[in-house]
């Protein structure tokens, strides 16, 4: 299944703006407006804060995916990078990892719904 198809399925199953707790982290699909979205995994801190690790912004319109920005505040050193074509492999890998995590959340939700 293509990355774009997985993302389309994600938009059908995940509520935009909702935060999901899964395997020790918080996950969210955020809408920034103008067809710009973000996939975020945030780790909880000792004082209740949530730190993006990672967060990836992208433009999604009519089934076309364009990366925008990546940040990981838990990495050492901290990583912040705007998309350029020379970074395509890095963005693909980071995006695929986040999509896999979100797919697991969807599967868990489906299993939970089947139990009731």
C-alpha atoms as a PDB file:
ATOM      1  CA  UNK A   1       0.000   0.000   0.000  1.00  0.00           C
ATOM      2  CA  UNK A   2       1.368   3.410  -0.937  1.00  0.00           C
ATOM      3  CA  UNK A   3       2.258   6.042   1.647  1.00  0.00           C
ATOM      4  CA  UNK A   4      -0.524   8.230   0.249  1.00  0.00           C
ATOM      5  CA  UNK A   5      -3.116   5.451   0.638  1.00  0.00           C
ATOM      6  CA  UNK A   6      -2.057   4.781   4.226  1.00  0.00           C
ATOM      7  CA  UNK A   7      -2.366   8.507   4.945  1.00  0.00           C
ATOM      8  CA  UNK A   8      -5.821   8.649   3.341  1.00  0.00           C
ATOM      9  CA  UNK A   9      -6.915   5.737   5.554  1.00  0.00           C
ATOM     10  CA  UNK A  10      -5.476   7.510   8.575  1.00  0.00           C
ATOM     11  CA  UNK A  11      -7.616  10.580   7.899  1.00  0.00           C
ATOM     12  CA  UNK A  12     -10.669   8.301   7.844  1.00  0.00           C
ATOM     13  CA  UNK A  13      -9.880   6.621  11.164  1.00  0.00           C
ATOM     14  CA  UNK A  14      -8.109   9.224  13.317  1.00  0.00           C
ATOM     15  CA  UNK A  15      -9.887  12.314  14.553  1.00  0.00           C
ATOM     16  CA  UNK A  16      -7.881  15.409  13.608  1.00  0.00           C
ATOM     17  CA  UNK A  17      -6.790  17.298  16.720  1.00  0.00           C
ATOM     18  CA  UNK A  18      -7.478  14.382  19.069  1.00  0.00           C
ATOM     19  CA  UNK A  19      -4.618  13.073  21.218  1.00  0.00           C
ATOM     20  CA  UNK A  20      -4.128   9.314  21.530  1.00  0.00           C
ATOM     21  CA  UNK A  21      -2.022   7.690  24.252  1.00  0.00           C
ATOM     22  CA  UNK A  22      -0.243   4.606  22.961  1.00  0.00           C
ATOM     23  CA  UNK A  23       2.759   2.665  24.273  1.00  0.00           C
ATOM     24  CA  UNK A  24       4.009   5.449  26.540  1.00  0.00           C
ATOM     25  CA  UNK A  25       3.640   8.377  24.134  1.00  0.00           C
ATOM     26  CA  UNK A  26       0.983  10.778  22.885  1.00  0.00           C
ATOM     27  CA  UNK A  27       0.074  10.839  19.200  1.00  0.00           C
ATOM     28  CA  UNK A  28      -1.805  13.542  17.346  1.00  0.00           C
ATOM     29  CA  UNK A  29      -2.777  14.490  13.811  1.00  0.00           C
ATOM     30  CA  UNK A  30      -2.910  18.286  13.832  1.00  0.00           C
ATOM     31  CA  UNK A  31      -4.513  20.642  11.309  1.00  0.00           C
ATOM     32  CA  UNK A  32      -2.562  23.881  10.736  1.00  0.00           C
ATOM     33  CA  UNK A  33      -4.949  25.145   8.049  1.00  0.00           C
ATOM     34  CA  UNK A  34      -4.486  25.551   4.277  1.00  0.00           C
ATOM     35  CA  UNK A  35      -4.101  21.766   3.875  1.00  0.00           C
ATOM     36  CA  UNK A  36      -1.044  21.682   6.136  1.00  0.00           C
ATOM     37  CA  UNK A  37      -1.053  18.942   8.770  1.00  0.00           C
ATOM     38  CA  UNK A  38       1.322  17.493  11.294  1.00  0.00           C
ATOM     39  CA  UNK A  39       1.895  13.993  12.612  1.00  0.00           C
ATOM     40  CA  UNK A  40       3.290  14.159  16.102  1.00  0.00           C
ATOM     41  CA  UNK A  41       4.588  11.746  18.684  1.00  0.00           C
ATOM     42  CA  UNK A  42       5.138  13.454  22.032  1.00  0.00           C
ATOM     43  CA  UNK A  43       6.780  11.957  25.081  1.00  0.00           C
ATOM     44  CA  UNK A  44       5.545  12.928  28.547  1.00  0.00           C
ATOM     45  CA  UNK A  45       7.921  14.765  30.848  1.00  0.00           C
ATOM     46  CA  UNK A  46       8.251  14.764  34.616  1.00  0.00           C
ATOM     47  CA  UNK A  47       6.293  18.019  35.001  1.00  0.00           C
ATOM     48  CA  UNK A  48       3.401  17.023  32.741  1.00  0.00           C
ATOM     49  CA  UNK A  49       4.785  18.628  29.585  1.00  0.00           C
ATOM     50  CA  UNK A  50       4.777  16.827  26.257  1.00  0.00           C
ATOM     51  CA  UNK A  51       7.867  17.050  24.063  1.00  0.00           C
ATOM     52  CA  UNK A  52       7.663  16.434  20.312  1.00  0.00           C
ATOM     53  CA  UNK A  53       9.765  13.443  19.394  1.00  0.00           C
ATOM     54  CA  UNK A  54       9.260  13.701  16.433  1.00  0.00           C
ATOM     55  CA  UNK A  55       6.806  16.016  14.725  1.00  0.00           C
ATOM     56  CA  UNK A  56       6.522  16.204  10.953  1.00  0.00           C
ATOM     57  CA  UNK A  57       4.545  18.850   9.046  1.00  0.00           C
ATOM     58  CA  UNK A  58       3.271  18.151   5.550  1.00  0.00           C
ATOM     59  CA  UNK A  59       0.955  19.531   2.880  1.00  0.00           C
ATOM     60  CA  UNK A  60      -1.857  17.121   1.924  1.00  0.00           C
ATOM     61  CA  UNK A  61      -4.298  18.039  -0.810  1.00  0.00           C
ATOM     62  CA  UNK A  62      -6.110  15.913  -3.398  1.00  0.00           C
ATOM     63  CA  UNK A  63      -4.026  12.859  -2.490  1.00  0.00           C
ATOM     64  CA  UNK A  64      -0.699  14.633  -3.023  1.00  0.00           C
ATOM     65  CA  UNK A  65       1.827  14.619  -0.171  1.00  0.00           C
ATOM     66  CA  UNK A  66       4.531  17.275   0.205  1.00  0.00           C
ATOM     67  CA  UNK A  67       6.774  17.419   3.261  1.00  0.00           C
ATOM     68  CA  UNK A  68       7.326  20.734   5.046  1.00  0.00           C
ATOM     69  CA  UNK A  69       9.284  20.460   8.297  1.00  0.00           C
ATOM     70  CA  UNK A  70      10.652  17.943  10.820  1.00  0.00           C
ATOM     71  CA  UNK A  71      11.531  18.482  14.473  1.00  0.00           C
ATOM     72  CA  UNK A  72      12.675  16.166  17.258  1.00  0.00           C
ATOM     73  CA  UNK A  73      13.297  17.852  20.597  1.00  0.00           C
ATOM     74  CA  UNK A  74      14.316  14.598  22.312  1.00  0.00           C
ATOM     75  CA  UNK A  75      17.131  13.832  19.881  1.00  0.00           C
ATOM     76  CA  UNK A  76      20.631  14.760  20.933  1.00  0.00           C
ATOM     77  CA  UNK A  77      21.475  17.088  19.413  1.00  0.00           C
ATOM     78  CA  UNK A  78      17.964  18.450  18.859  1.00  0.00           C
ATOM     79  CA  UNK A  79      16.924  18.168  15.206  1.00  0.00           C
ATOM     80  CA  UNK A  80      14.978  20.785  13.254  1.00  0.00           C
ATOM     81  CA  UNK A  81      14.973  20.778   9.464  1.00  0.00           C
ATOM     82  CA  UNK A  82      12.897  22.208   6.647  1.00  0.00           C
ATOM     83  CA  UNK A  83      12.272  19.871   3.736  1.00  0.00           C
ATOM     84  CA  UNK A  84      14.536  19.896   0.710  1.00  0.00           C
ATOM     85  CA  UNK A  85      14.700  17.291  -2.034  1.00  0.00           C
ATOM     86  CA  UNK A  86      18.135  16.178  -0.832  1.00  0.00           C
ATOM     87  CA  UNK A  87      16.467  15.103   2.462  1.00  0.00           C
ATOM     88  CA  UNK A  88      13.750  13.038   0.773  1.00  0.00           C
ATOM     89  CA  UNK A  89      14.948   9.663   2.100  1.00  0.00           C
ATOM     90  CA  UNK A  90      15.140  10.975   5.668  1.00  0.00           C
ATOM     91  CA  UNK A  91      11.624  12.466   5.491  1.00  0.00           C
ATOM     92  CA  UNK A  92      10.214   9.301   3.881  1.00  0.00           C
ATOM     93  CA  UNK A  93      11.692   7.148   6.650  1.00  0.00           C
ATOM     94  CA  UNK A  94      10.487   9.442   9.459  1.00  0.00           C
ATOM     95  CA  UNK A  95       7.017   9.732   7.919  1.00  0.00           C
ATOM     96  CA  UNK A  96       6.731   5.967   7.426  1.00  0.00           C
ATOM     97  CA  UNK A  97       7.664   5.350  11.069  1.00  0.00           C
ATOM     98  CA  UNK A  98       4.981   7.771  12.286  1.00  0.00           C
ATOM     99  CA  UNK A  99       2.418   6.251   9.911  1.00  0.00           C
ATOM    100  CA  UNK A 100       3.210   2.770  11.267  1.00  0.00           C
ATOM    101  CA  UNK A 101       2.606   3.987  14.816  1.00  0.00           C
ATOM    102  CA  UNK A 102      -0.702   5.572  13.832  1.00  0.00           C
ATOM    103  CA  UNK A 103      -1.734   2.371  12.032  1.00  0.00           C
ATOM    104  CA  UNK A 104      -1.131   0.452  15.265  1.00  0.00           C
ATOM    105  CA  UNK A 105      -3.392   2.926  17.079  1.00  0.00           C
ATOM    106  CA  UNK A 106      -6.117   2.351  14.478  1.00  0.00           C
ATOM    107  CA  UNK A 107      -5.754  -1.425  14.818  1.00  0.00           C
ATOM    108  CA  UNK A 108      -5.990  -1.146  18.592  1.00  0.00           C
ATOM    109  CA  UNK A 109      -9.159   0.958  18.263  1.00  0.00           C
ATOM    110  CA  UNK A 110     -10.715  -1.569  15.903  1.00  0.00           C
ATOM    111  CA  UNK A 111      -9.940  -4.409  18.311  1.00  0.00           C
ATOM    112  CA  UNK A 112     -11.408  -2.428  21.215  1.00  0.00           C
ATOM    113  CA  UNK A 113     -14.601  -1.761  19.248  1.00  0.00           C
ATOM    114  CA  UNK A 114     -14.962  -5.457  18.377  1.00  0.00           C
ATOM    115  CA  UNK A 115     -14.947  -6.425  22.059  1.00  0.00           C
ATOM    116  CA  UNK A 116     -18.121  -4.463  22.805  1.00  0.00           C
END
